[in-house]
Amino acid sequence: MKLFLITAVSAATLFAAVDINSATAKELQSVKGIGEKKAKQIVAFREKNCFQSLRDLTKIKGIGEKTLKKLTPQLEVGPCRKK
């Protein structure tokens, strides 16, 4: 039973969408298709603007429509936490 619970929690974590308005650069890098450079660019953009929608990711160099389509199932846009 204990192993089942650990496995279930791990699986849920693996498939949880990453919030681009709150994730750290390291958390963003866990998304397939986002490397260190793009993760840092996403964080820098967010610190100045916040993301209103996933489409805002196309303002990041190297993220076009094709890449956005691949990233969309793995990401979500939570509330802006800009200071």
N, C-alpha and C. Protein backbone atom coordinates (compact mmCIF):
# COMPACT_ATOMS: atom_id res chain seq x y z
N MET A 1 0.83 -1.20 0.00
CA MET A 1 0.00 0.00 0.00
C MET A 1 0.87 1.26 0.00
N LYS A 2 1.90 1.26 0.83
CA LYS A 2 2.79 2.41 0.92
C LYS A 2 3.47 2.67 -0.43
N LEU A 3 3.94 1.60 -1.08
CA LEU A 3 4.59 1.74 -2.39
C LEU A 3 3.61 2.29 -3.41
N PHE A 4 2.37 1.85 -3.36
CA PHE A 4 1.35 2.34 -4.28
C PHE A 4 1.16 3.84 -4.12
N LEU A 5 1.07 4.31 -2.89
CA LEU A 5 0.89 5.74 -2.64
C LEU A 5 2.07 6.56 -3.14
N ILE A 6 3.27 6.07 -2.90
CA ILE A 6 4.47 6.76 -3.38
C ILE A 6 4.46 6.83 -4.89
N THR A 7 4.12 5.73 -5.54
CA THR A 7 4.07 5.68 -7.00
C THR A 7 3.00 6.63 -7.53
N ALA A 8 1.84 6.65 -6.90
CA ALA A 8 0.75 7.52 -7.34
C ALA A 8 1.12 8.99 -7.21
N VAL A 9 1.74 9.36 -6.11
CA VAL A 9 2.17 10.75 -5.90
C VAL A 9 3.25 11.12 -6.91
N SER A 10 4.19 10.23 -7.15
CA SER A 10 5.25 10.49 -8.12
C SER A 10 4.68 10.68 -9.52
N ALA A 11 3.73 9.84 -9.90
CA ALA A 11 3.12 9.95 -11.22
C ALA A 11 2.37 11.27 -11.35
N ALA A 12 1.66 11.67 -10.32
CA ALA A 12 0.93 12.94 -10.36
C ALA A 12 1.89 14.11 -10.52
N THR A 13 3.02 14.04 -9.85
CA THR A 13 4.03 15.09 -9.95
C THR A 13 4.61 15.16 -11.36
N LEU A 14 4.83 14.01 -11.96
CA LEU A 14 5.40 13.97 -13.30
C LEU A 14 4.50 14.62 -14.33
N PHE A 15 3.19 14.53 -14.14
CA PHE A 15 2.26 15.02 -15.13
C PHE A 15 1.61 16.35 -14.76
N ALA A 16 2.04 16.95 -13.69
CA ALA A 16 1.50 18.24 -13.29
C ALA A 16 2.04 19.32 -14.22
N ALA A 17 1.17 20.22 -14.63
CA ALA A 17 1.59 21.32 -15.48
C ALA A 17 2.44 22.29 -14.68
N VAL A 18 3.41 22.88 -15.33
CA VAL A 18 4.31 23.84 -14.70
C VAL A 18 3.75 25.24 -14.93
N ASP A 19 3.61 26.00 -13.87
CA ASP A 19 3.07 27.36 -13.93
C ASP A 19 4.17 28.33 -14.33
N ILE A 20 4.03 28.94 -15.51
CA ILE A 20 5.09 29.83 -16.00
C ILE A 20 5.15 31.16 -15.24
N ASN A 21 4.14 31.46 -14.43
CA ASN A 21 4.18 32.69 -13.63
C ASN A 21 4.76 32.49 -12.25
N SER A 22 5.11 31.25 -11.89
CA SER A 22 5.68 31.04 -10.57
C SER A 22 6.86 30.07 -10.54
N ALA A 23 7.05 29.29 -11.58
CA ALA A 23 8.11 28.28 -11.59
C ALA A 23 9.50 28.90 -11.59
N THR A 24 10.41 28.23 -10.92
CA THR A 24 11.82 28.64 -10.97
C THR A 24 12.39 28.22 -12.32
N ALA A 25 13.57 28.74 -12.63
CA ALA A 25 14.23 28.35 -13.88
C ALA A 25 14.46 26.84 -13.89
N LYS A 26 14.84 26.29 -12.76
CA LYS A 26 15.08 24.85 -12.67
C LYS A 26 13.80 24.06 -12.93
N GLU A 27 12.69 24.51 -12.38
CA GLU A 27 11.41 23.84 -12.61
C GLU A 27 11.01 23.94 -14.08
N LEU A 28 11.25 25.07 -14.69
CA LEU A 28 10.94 25.23 -16.11
C LEU A 28 11.77 24.29 -16.97
N GLN A 29 13.00 24.04 -16.56
CA GLN A 29 13.87 23.14 -17.30
C GLN A 29 13.40 21.69 -17.25
N SER A 30 12.51 21.37 -16.33
CA SER A 30 11.97 20.01 -16.27
C SER A 30 10.97 19.75 -17.39
N VAL A 31 10.57 20.81 -18.08
CA VAL A 31 9.63 20.71 -19.20
C VAL A 31 10.41 20.35 -20.46
N LYS A 32 9.97 19.30 -21.13
CA LYS A 32 10.63 18.89 -22.37
C LYS A 32 10.52 20.02 -23.39
N GLY A 33 11.67 20.49 -23.87
CA GLY A 33 11.68 21.57 -24.85
C GLY A 33 12.15 22.90 -24.27
N ILE A 34 12.34 22.96 -22.95
CA ILE A 34 12.84 24.18 -22.31
C ILE A 34 14.18 23.86 -21.67
N GLY A 35 15.21 24.48 -22.20
CA GLY A 35 16.55 24.32 -21.64
C GLY A 35 16.88 25.47 -20.72
N GLU A 36 18.13 25.51 -20.30
CA GLU A 36 18.57 26.53 -19.35
C GLU A 36 18.37 27.95 -19.89
N LYS A 37 18.75 28.17 -21.14
CA LYS A 37 18.68 29.51 -21.72
C LYS A 37 17.22 30.01 -21.81
N LYS A 38 16.33 29.16 -22.34
CA LYS A 38 14.93 29.56 -22.45
C LYS A 38 14.29 29.75 -21.08
N ALA A 39 14.66 28.90 -20.13
CA ALA A 39 14.12 29.02 -18.77
C ALA A 39 14.49 30.37 -18.17
N LYS A 40 15.73 30.77 -18.34
CA LYS A 40 16.17 32.07 -17.81
C LYS A 40 15.45 33.22 -18.52
N GLN A 41 15.22 33.08 -19.82
CA GLN A 41 14.51 34.12 -20.57
C GLN A 41 13.05 34.22 -20.10
N ILE A 42 12.44 33.09 -19.81
CA ILE A 42 11.06 33.08 -19.33
C ILE A 42 10.97 33.78 -17.98
N VAL A 43 11.88 33.47 -17.08
CA VAL A 43 11.89 34.11 -15.76
C VAL A 43 12.13 35.62 -15.89
N ALA A 44 13.06 36.01 -16.75
CA ALA A 44 13.35 37.44 -16.95
C ALA A 44 12.13 38.17 -17.50
N PHE A 45 11.45 37.57 -18.48
CA PHE A 45 10.24 38.18 -19.04
C PHE A 45 9.18 38.33 -17.96
N ARG A 46 8.99 37.27 -17.19
CA ARG A 46 7.96 37.26 -16.14
C ARG A 46 8.22 38.34 -15.09
N GLU A 47 9.48 38.56 -14.74
CA GLU A 47 9.81 39.57 -13.73
C GLU A 47 9.43 40.98 -14.17
N LYS A 48 9.39 41.20 -15.48
CA LYS A 48 9.04 42.52 -16.00
C LYS A 48 7.57 42.63 -16.40
N ASN A 49 6.99 41.55 -16.89
CA ASN A 49 5.68 41.62 -17.52
C ASN A 49 4.59 40.72 -16.98
N CYS A 50 4.92 39.59 -16.46
CA CYS A 50 3.97 38.51 -16.13
C CYS A 50 3.38 37.95 -17.43
N PHE A 51 2.99 36.71 -17.38
CA PHE A 51 2.36 36.07 -18.52
C PHE A 51 0.85 36.13 -18.34
N GLN A 52 0.15 36.58 -19.35
CA GLN A 52 -1.31 36.61 -19.34
C GLN A 52 -1.88 35.35 -19.97
N SER A 53 -1.12 34.76 -20.90
CA SER A 53 -1.54 33.53 -21.57
C SER A 53 -0.28 32.79 -22.04
N LEU A 54 -0.45 31.53 -22.41
CA LEU A 54 0.69 30.77 -22.92
C LEU A 54 1.21 31.38 -24.22
N ARG A 55 0.33 32.03 -24.98
CA ARG A 55 0.74 32.66 -26.24
C ARG A 55 1.84 33.70 -26.01
N ASP A 56 1.90 34.29 -24.83
CA ASP A 56 2.96 35.26 -24.50
C ASP A 56 4.35 34.63 -24.60
N LEU A 57 4.43 33.31 -24.52
CA LEU A 57 5.73 32.65 -24.64
C LEU A 57 6.37 32.89 -26.00
N THR A 58 5.57 33.22 -27.02
CA THR A 58 6.14 33.48 -28.34
C THR A 58 6.96 34.78 -28.35
N LYS A 59 6.90 35.54 -27.28
CA LYS A 59 7.74 36.74 -27.15
C LYS A 59 9.15 36.38 -26.71
N ILE A 60 9.36 35.11 -26.35
CA ILE A 60 10.67 34.61 -25.94
C ILE A 60 11.41 34.13 -27.18
N LYS A 61 12.63 34.59 -27.35
CA LYS A 61 13.42 34.20 -28.52
C LYS A 61 13.57 32.68 -28.55
N GLY A 62 13.25 32.10 -29.70
CA GLY A 62 13.37 30.66 -29.87
C GLY A 62 12.08 29.89 -29.62
N ILE A 63 11.03 30.60 -29.21
CA ILE A 63 9.73 29.95 -29.03
C ILE A 63 8.76 30.52 -30.05
N GLY A 64 8.50 29.71 -31.06
CA GLY A 64 7.54 30.08 -32.09
C GLY A 64 6.27 29.25 -31.94
N GLU A 65 5.43 29.30 -32.95
CA GLU A 65 4.16 28.58 -32.91
C GLU A 65 4.35 27.07 -32.75
N LYS A 66 5.31 26.52 -33.47
CA LYS A 66 5.55 25.07 -33.42
C LYS A 66 5.99 24.63 -32.02
N THR A 67 6.93 25.37 -31.45
CA THR A 67 7.41 25.05 -30.10
C THR A 67 6.30 25.26 -29.08
N LEU A 68 5.55 26.33 -29.22
CA LEU A 68 4.44 26.61 -28.30
C LEU A 68 3.45 25.46 -28.28
N LYS A 69 3.15 24.92 -29.44
CA LYS A 69 2.21 23.80 -29.54
C LYS A 69 2.71 22.59 -28.75
N LYS A 70 4.02 22.34 -28.79
CA LYS A 70 4.60 21.21 -28.06
C LYS A 70 4.63 21.47 -26.55
N LEU A 71 4.84 22.72 -26.17
CA LEU A 71 4.95 23.07 -24.75
C LEU A 71 3.60 23.18 -24.04
N THR A 72 2.58 23.58 -24.77
CA THR A 72 1.27 23.88 -24.18
C THR A 72 0.72 22.81 -23.23
N PRO A 73 0.77 21.52 -23.57
CA PRO A 73 0.21 20.53 -22.64
C PRO A 73 0.97 20.42 -21.32
N GLN A 74 2.19 20.93 -21.29
CA GLN A 74 3.03 20.79 -20.10
C GLN A 74 3.02 22.02 -19.21
N LEU A 75 2.37 23.09 -19.67
CA LEU A 75 2.43 24.37 -18.97
C LEU A 75 1.05 24.91 -18.63
N GLU A 76 1.03 25.83 -17.68
CA GLU A 76 -0.18 26.56 -17.35
C GLU A 76 0.21 27.97 -16.92
N VAL A 77 -0.78 28.86 -16.93
CA VAL A 77 -0.55 30.24 -16.51
C VAL A 77 -1.35 30.50 -15.24
N GLY A 78 -0.65 30.62 -14.14
CA GLY A 78 -1.29 30.92 -12.86
C GLY A 78 -1.36 32.42 -12.66
N PRO A 79 -1.83 32.84 -11.50
CA PRO A 79 -1.91 34.28 -11.22
C PRO A 79 -0.54 34.94 -11.22
N CYS A 80 -0.52 36.18 -11.63
CA CYS A 80 0.72 36.96 -11.65
C CYS A 80 1.17 37.22 -10.22
N ARG A 81 2.44 36.97 -9.97
CA ARG A 81 2.99 37.21 -8.62
C ARG A 81 4.10 38.26 -8.67
N LYS A 82 3.98 39.15 -9.63
CA LYS A 82 4.99 40.19 -9.81
C LYS A 82 5.02 41.09 -8.58
N LYS A 83 6.24 41.40 -8.15
CA LYS A 83 6.42 42.23 -6.95
C LYS A 83 6.41 43.69 -7.29
